Amino acid sequence: MDSGSPRHLKTWLFAAFVVLSNSLGNFFIARGMRALPELNSPWSLLQAIFTPFVAVGIVLLISWLLSRMMLLSWADLSYMLPVTSLGYVLSALLGKFFLNEQISLARWGGTFLIVGGTIL
């Protein structure tokens, strides 16, 4: 496939969208769930779904799933998995800088092992 072809550009754009929608979807759900009181019933879970941050996260994760399915319809799995594994790094960075999560050296190591393993 020619690196300047429209299909190549479409693949890169969809891959970027897959990574961003997955990472941001997880971020918004985590952000929204932390603002809620302890969930202790199925009703409280249903209420949580309709809070703004959680709802945005759900929409982003639905978009992630659909765009990933589309990407898999034309891109090789051996290409897509290493590229989209960068979402793990982005998720960790979002958690560290915007949710004030403490990420130990061992967790960073695990994150990069996942990325490295998919590349291999």
N, C-alpha and C. Protein backbone atom coordinates (compact mmCIF):
# COMPACT_ATOMS: atom_id res chain seq x y z
N MET A 1 0.86 -1.18 0.00
CA MET A 1 0.00 0.00 0.00
C MET A 1 0.89 1.23 0.00
N ASP A 2 0.63 2.13 -0.89
CA ASP A 2 1.38 3.37 -1.02
C ASP A 2 1.14 4.24 0.20
N SER A 3 2.23 4.75 0.80
CA SER A 3 2.09 5.54 2.03
C SER A 3 1.38 6.87 1.81
N GLY A 4 1.24 7.30 0.56
CA GLY A 4 0.54 8.54 0.28
C GLY A 4 -0.88 8.34 -0.19
N SER A 5 -1.33 7.10 -0.23
CA SER A 5 -2.66 6.81 -0.75
C SER A 5 -3.74 7.26 0.23
N PRO A 6 -4.94 7.53 -0.28
CA PRO A 6 -6.05 7.91 0.60
C PRO A 6 -6.37 6.82 1.62
N ARG A 7 -6.23 5.56 1.22
CA ARG A 7 -6.51 4.46 2.16
C ARG A 7 -5.53 4.47 3.32
N HIS A 8 -4.27 4.78 3.04
CA HIS A 8 -3.27 4.85 4.11
C HIS A 8 -3.60 5.99 5.07
N LEU A 9 -3.99 7.13 4.54
CA LEU A 9 -4.37 8.27 5.39
C LEU A 9 -5.60 7.93 6.22
N LYS A 10 -6.59 7.29 5.60
CA LYS A 10 -7.80 6.90 6.30
C LYS A 10 -7.45 5.93 7.44
N THR A 11 -6.54 5.01 7.20
CA THR A 11 -6.14 4.05 8.23
C THR A 11 -5.49 4.77 9.40
N TRP A 12 -4.60 5.70 9.14
CA TRP A 12 -3.94 6.44 10.22
C TRP A 12 -4.93 7.29 10.99
N LEU A 13 -5.85 7.94 10.29
CA LEU A 13 -6.85 8.77 10.98
C LEU A 13 -7.76 7.92 11.86
N PHE A 14 -8.20 6.78 11.34
CA PHE A 14 -9.04 5.90 12.15
C PHE A 14 -8.27 5.33 13.33
N ALA A 15 -7.01 4.98 13.12
CA ALA A 15 -6.20 4.45 14.22
C ALA A 15 -6.05 5.51 15.31
N ALA A 16 -5.83 6.75 14.92
CA ALA A 16 -5.73 7.84 15.90
C ALA A 16 -7.04 8.02 16.64
N PHE A 17 -8.16 7.94 15.91
CA PHE A 17 -9.46 8.07 16.55
C PHE A 17 -9.72 6.92 17.51
N VAL A 18 -9.32 5.71 17.13
CA VAL A 18 -9.50 4.54 18.01
C VAL A 18 -8.73 4.75 19.31
N VAL A 19 -7.49 5.18 19.21
CA VAL A 19 -6.66 5.41 20.41
C VAL A 19 -7.27 6.50 21.28
N LEU A 20 -7.63 7.62 20.67
CA LEU A 20 -8.17 8.75 21.44
C LEU A 20 -9.52 8.44 22.06
N SER A 21 -10.41 7.82 21.30
CA SER A 21 -11.75 7.55 21.84
C SER A 21 -11.69 6.53 22.98
N ASN A 22 -10.80 5.55 22.88
CA ASN A 22 -10.65 4.57 23.97
C ASN A 22 -10.10 5.24 25.23
N SER A 23 -9.01 5.97 25.07
CA SER A 23 -8.38 6.60 26.23
C SER A 23 -9.28 7.65 26.87
N LEU A 24 -9.87 8.50 26.05
CA LEU A 24 -10.73 9.54 26.59
C LEU A 24 -12.03 8.97 27.17
N GLY A 25 -12.56 7.92 26.55
CA GLY A 25 -13.75 7.28 27.10
C GLY A 25 -13.50 6.72 28.49
N ASN A 26 -12.38 6.02 28.64
CA ASN A 26 -12.02 5.49 29.97
C ASN A 26 -11.78 6.62 30.97
N PHE A 27 -11.13 7.68 30.50
CA PHE A 27 -10.86 8.82 31.38
C PHE A 27 -12.16 9.46 31.89
N PHE A 28 -13.11 9.71 30.98
CA PHE A 28 -14.35 10.36 31.39
C PHE A 28 -15.17 9.47 32.32
N ILE A 29 -15.18 8.17 32.08
CA ILE A 29 -15.91 7.29 33.00
C ILE A 29 -15.24 7.30 34.37
N ALA A 30 -13.92 7.22 34.42
CA ALA A 30 -13.22 7.26 35.72
C ALA A 30 -13.48 8.58 36.43
N ARG A 31 -13.41 9.68 35.69
CA ARG A 31 -13.65 11.01 36.26
C ARG A 31 -15.07 11.11 36.82
N GLY A 32 -16.03 10.64 36.05
CA GLY A 32 -17.42 10.72 36.48
C GLY A 32 -17.72 9.82 37.67
N MET A 33 -17.17 8.63 37.70
CA MET A 33 -17.45 7.70 38.78
C MET A 33 -16.84 8.16 40.10
N ARG A 34 -15.72 8.86 40.03
CA ARG A 34 -15.09 9.35 41.26
C ARG A 34 -15.88 10.46 41.92
N ALA A 35 -16.70 11.14 41.15
CA ALA A 35 -17.49 12.24 41.70
C ALA A 35 -18.79 11.75 42.34
N LEU A 36 -19.10 10.47 42.16
CA LEU A 36 -20.35 9.93 42.69
C LEU A 36 -20.14 9.32 44.06
N PRO A 37 -21.22 9.26 44.85
CA PRO A 37 -21.12 8.54 46.13
C PRO A 37 -20.99 7.04 45.84
N GLU A 38 -20.74 6.28 46.87
CA GLU A 38 -20.59 4.84 46.69
C GLU A 38 -21.85 4.24 46.08
N LEU A 39 -21.65 3.42 45.07
CA LEU A 39 -22.79 2.80 44.40
C LEU A 39 -23.13 1.51 45.13
N ASN A 40 -24.37 1.42 45.59
CA ASN A 40 -24.74 0.26 46.40
C ASN A 40 -25.99 -0.45 45.93
N SER A 41 -26.49 -0.08 44.74
CA SER A 41 -27.68 -0.75 44.23
C SER A 41 -27.69 -0.65 42.70
N PRO A 42 -28.46 -1.51 42.06
CA PRO A 42 -28.59 -1.39 40.60
C PRO A 42 -29.16 -0.04 40.18
N TRP A 43 -30.04 0.53 40.99
CA TRP A 43 -30.60 1.84 40.67
C TRP A 43 -29.53 2.92 40.66
N SER A 44 -28.60 2.87 41.60
CA SER A 44 -27.54 3.88 41.63
C SER A 44 -26.61 3.73 40.42
N LEU A 45 -26.44 2.50 39.94
CA LEU A 45 -25.65 2.31 38.71
C LEU A 45 -26.34 2.92 37.51
N LEU A 46 -27.66 2.74 37.43
CA LEU A 46 -28.41 3.35 36.34
C LEU A 46 -28.35 4.87 36.39
N GLN A 47 -28.43 5.42 37.59
CA GLN A 47 -28.31 6.87 37.73
C GLN A 47 -26.93 7.34 37.30
N ALA A 48 -25.90 6.57 37.63
CA ALA A 48 -24.53 6.95 37.27
C ALA A 48 -24.35 7.04 35.76
N ILE A 49 -25.02 6.17 35.02
CA ILE A 49 -24.89 6.17 33.56
C ILE A 49 -25.29 7.52 32.97
N PHE A 50 -26.25 8.19 33.61
CA PHE A 50 -26.78 9.43 33.05
C PHE A 50 -26.13 10.69 33.62
N THR A 51 -25.07 10.53 34.40
CA THR A 51 -24.32 11.72 34.81
C THR A 51 -23.47 12.18 33.63
N PRO A 52 -23.19 13.46 33.52
CA PRO A 52 -22.54 13.98 32.31
C PRO A 52 -21.20 13.31 31.95
N PHE A 53 -20.27 13.22 32.88
CA PHE A 53 -18.96 12.65 32.54
C PHE A 53 -19.08 11.18 32.15
N VAL A 54 -19.87 10.42 32.88
CA VAL A 54 -20.02 9.00 32.57
C VAL A 54 -20.70 8.84 31.22
N ALA A 55 -21.72 9.64 30.94
CA ALA A 55 -22.43 9.55 29.66
C ALA A 55 -21.49 9.85 28.49
N VAL A 56 -20.65 10.87 28.64
CA VAL A 56 -19.68 11.19 27.58
C VAL A 56 -18.71 10.02 27.40
N GLY A 57 -18.25 9.44 28.50
CA GLY A 57 -17.36 8.29 28.42
C GLY A 57 -18.00 7.12 27.70
N ILE A 58 -19.28 6.87 27.99
CA ILE A 58 -19.98 5.77 27.33
C ILE A 58 -20.10 6.01 25.83
N VAL A 59 -20.44 7.23 25.45
CA VAL A 59 -20.55 7.57 24.03
C VAL A 59 -19.19 7.40 23.34
N LEU A 60 -18.12 7.84 23.99
CA LEU A 60 -16.79 7.68 23.41
C LEU A 60 -16.40 6.21 23.28
N LEU A 61 -16.74 5.40 24.25
CA LEU A 61 -16.39 3.98 24.17
C LEU A 61 -17.24 3.25 23.12
N ILE A 62 -18.47 3.67 22.92
CA ILE A 62 -19.27 3.11 21.82
C ILE A 62 -18.64 3.51 20.49
N SER A 63 -18.21 4.78 20.38
CA SER A 63 -17.53 5.24 19.17
C SER A 63 -16.24 4.47 18.95
N TRP A 64 -15.52 4.19 20.03
CA TRP A 64 -14.28 3.40 19.95
C TRP A 64 -14.57 2.02 19.37
N LEU A 65 -15.59 1.36 19.89
CA LEU A 65 -15.90 0.02 19.44
C LEU A 65 -16.27 0.01 17.95
N LEU A 66 -17.12 0.93 17.54
CA LEU A 66 -17.54 0.97 16.15
C LEU A 66 -16.39 1.33 15.21
N SER A 67 -15.56 2.29 15.61
CA SER A 67 -14.43 2.67 14.75
C SER A 67 -13.38 1.56 14.71
N ARG A 68 -13.21 0.85 15.80
CA ARG A 68 -12.27 -0.28 15.80
C ARG A 68 -12.76 -1.39 14.87
N MET A 69 -14.06 -1.64 14.88
CA MET A 69 -14.63 -2.63 13.97
C MET A 69 -14.41 -2.21 12.52
N MET A 70 -14.62 -0.94 12.22
CA MET A 70 -14.39 -0.45 10.86
C MET A 70 -12.91 -0.57 10.48
N LEU A 71 -12.05 -0.21 11.39
CA LEU A 71 -10.61 -0.30 11.13
C LEU A 71 -10.20 -1.74 10.85
N LEU A 72 -10.76 -2.67 11.61
CA LEU A 72 -10.43 -4.08 11.39
C LEU A 72 -10.94 -4.60 10.05
N SER A 73 -11.92 -3.92 9.47
CA SER A 73 -12.45 -4.38 8.19
C SER A 73 -11.48 -4.14 7.03
N TRP A 74 -10.53 -3.20 7.19
CA TRP A 74 -9.59 -2.97 6.09
C TRP A 74 -8.12 -2.97 6.51
N ALA A 75 -7.83 -2.84 7.77
CA ALA A 75 -6.43 -2.83 8.21
C ALA A 75 -6.05 -4.19 8.79
N ASP A 76 -4.80 -4.55 8.63
CA ASP A 76 -4.31 -5.81 9.18
C ASP A 76 -4.28 -5.75 10.70
N LEU A 77 -4.66 -6.86 11.31
CA LEU A 77 -4.63 -6.95 12.77
C LEU A 77 -3.21 -6.77 13.28
N SER A 78 -2.24 -7.29 12.55
CA SER A 78 -0.84 -7.17 12.97
C SER A 78 -0.34 -5.73 12.92
N TYR A 79 -1.03 -4.88 12.18
CA TYR A 79 -0.72 -3.45 12.16
C TYR A 79 -1.50 -2.72 13.24
N MET A 80 -2.78 -3.06 13.35
CA MET A 80 -3.68 -2.32 14.21
C MET A 80 -3.37 -2.49 15.70
N LEU A 81 -3.10 -3.70 16.13
CA LEU A 81 -2.87 -3.91 17.57
C LEU A 81 -1.68 -3.13 18.12
N PRO A 82 -0.52 -3.15 17.46
CA PRO A 82 0.59 -2.34 18.01
C PRO A 82 0.28 -0.84 18.04
N VAL A 83 -0.37 -0.35 17.00
CA VAL A 83 -0.68 1.09 16.95
C VAL A 83 -1.67 1.46 18.05
N THR A 84 -2.73 0.68 18.18
CA THR A 84 -3.75 1.04 19.17
C THR A 84 -3.31 0.75 20.60
N SER A 85 -2.26 -0.03 20.78
CA SER A 85 -1.77 -0.27 22.15
C SER A 85 -1.19 1.00 22.76
N LEU A 86 -0.91 2.00 21.95
CA LEU A 86 -0.44 3.27 22.48
C LEU A 86 -1.51 3.93 23.35
N GLY A 87 -2.74 3.48 23.23
CA GLY A 87 -3.82 3.98 24.08
C GLY A 87 -3.57 3.69 25.55
N TYR A 88 -2.84 2.59 25.85
CA TYR A 88 -2.51 2.29 27.25
C TYR A 88 -1.62 3.38 27.84
N VAL A 89 -0.68 3.84 27.06
CA VAL A 89 0.22 4.91 27.53
C VAL A 89 -0.57 6.20 27.70
N LEU A 90 -1.42 6.52 26.73
CA LEU A 90 -2.22 7.73 26.83
C LEU A 90 -3.16 7.68 28.03
N SER A 91 -3.76 6.52 28.29
CA SER A 91 -4.65 6.38 29.45
C SER A 91 -3.89 6.61 30.75
N ALA A 92 -2.69 6.07 30.84
CA ALA A 92 -1.88 6.27 32.04
C ALA A 92 -1.51 7.75 32.21
N LEU A 93 -1.18 8.41 31.11
CA LEU A 93 -0.83 9.83 31.19
C LEU A 93 -2.04 10.68 31.59
N LEU A 94 -3.21 10.37 31.04
CA LEU A 94 -4.42 11.10 31.44
C LEU A 94 -4.71 10.91 32.92
N GLY A 95 -4.56 9.68 33.40
CA GLY A 95 -4.79 9.41 34.82
C GLY A 95 -3.81 10.16 35.70
N LYS A 96 -2.55 10.19 35.29
CA LYS A 96 -1.52 10.85 36.10
C LYS A 96 -1.74 12.36 36.16
N PHE A 97 -1.97 12.98 35.02
CA PHE A 97 -2.00 14.44 34.99
C PHE A 97 -3.38 15.05 35.25
N PHE A 98 -4.45 14.32 34.98
CA PHE A 98 -5.77 14.93 35.15
C PHE A 98 -6.59 14.31 36.28
N LEU A 99 -6.21 13.12 36.72
CA LEU A 99 -6.92 12.50 37.83
C LEU A 99 -6.03 12.38 39.06
N ASN A 100 -4.83 12.90 38.97
CA ASN A 100 -3.84 12.87 40.06
C ASN A 100 -3.57 11.46 40.57
N GLU A 101 -3.53 10.51 39.66
CA GLU A 101 -3.20 9.14 40.05
C GLU A 101 -1.70 9.00 40.23
N GLN A 102 -1.33 8.22 41.21
CA GLN A 102 0.08 7.93 41.43
C GLN A 102 0.40 6.64 40.67
N ILE A 103 1.27 6.74 39.69
CA ILE A 103 1.61 5.58 38.88
C ILE A 103 3.04 5.19 39.22
N SER A 104 3.16 4.02 39.81
CA SER A 104 4.47 3.55 40.25
C SER A 104 5.32 3.16 39.04
N LEU A 105 6.60 3.01 39.31
CA LEU A 105 7.53 2.58 38.27
C LEU A 105 7.13 1.20 37.74
N ALA A 106 6.64 0.34 38.62
CA ALA A 106 6.22 -1.00 38.19
C ALA A 106 5.03 -0.91 37.23
N ARG A 107 4.10 0.00 37.50
CA ARG A 107 2.95 0.15 36.58
C ARG A 107 3.37 0.72 35.24
N TRP A 108 4.29 1.69 35.26
CA TRP A 108 4.81 2.20 33.99
C TRP A 108 5.50 1.08 33.23
N GLY A 109 6.26 0.29 33.95
CA GLY A 109 6.94 -0.84 33.31
C GLY A 109 5.94 -1.80 32.70
N GLY A 110 4.87 -2.10 33.42
CA GLY A 110 3.83 -2.98 32.89
C GLY A 110 3.15 -2.40 31.67
N THR A 111 2.90 -1.11 31.70
CA THR A 111 2.27 -0.44 30.54
C THR A 111 3.15 -0.57 29.32
N PHE A 112 4.43 -0.32 29.49
CA PHE A 112 5.34 -0.39 28.33
C PHE A 112 5.61 -1.83 27.91
N LEU A 113 5.51 -2.78 28.83
CA LEU A 113 5.61 -4.19 28.44
C LEU A 113 4.44 -4.60 27.56
N ILE A 114 3.25 -4.09 27.89
CA ILE A 114 2.07 -4.39 27.05
C ILE A 114 2.29 -3.83 25.64
N VAL A 115 2.72 -2.58 25.56
CA VAL A 115 2.95 -1.96 24.26
C VAL A 115 4.05 -2.71 23.51
N GLY A 116 5.15 -2.99 24.19
CA GLY A 116 6.25 -3.72 23.56
C GLY A 116 5.85 -5.11 23.11
N GLY A 117 5.04 -5.77 23.94
CA GLY A 117 4.59 -7.11 23.57
C GLY A 117 3.71 -7.12 22.34
N THR A 118 2.85 -6.12 22.20
CA THR A 118 2.00 -6.08 21.00
C THR A 118 2.82 -5.74 19.78
N ILE A 119 3.87 -4.95 19.94
CA ILE A 119 4.72 -4.62 18.80
C ILE A 119 5.49 -5.86 18.34
N LEU A 120 5.98 -6.64 19.31
CA LEU A 120 6.69 -7.88 18.94
C LEU A 120 5.76 -8.85 18.27
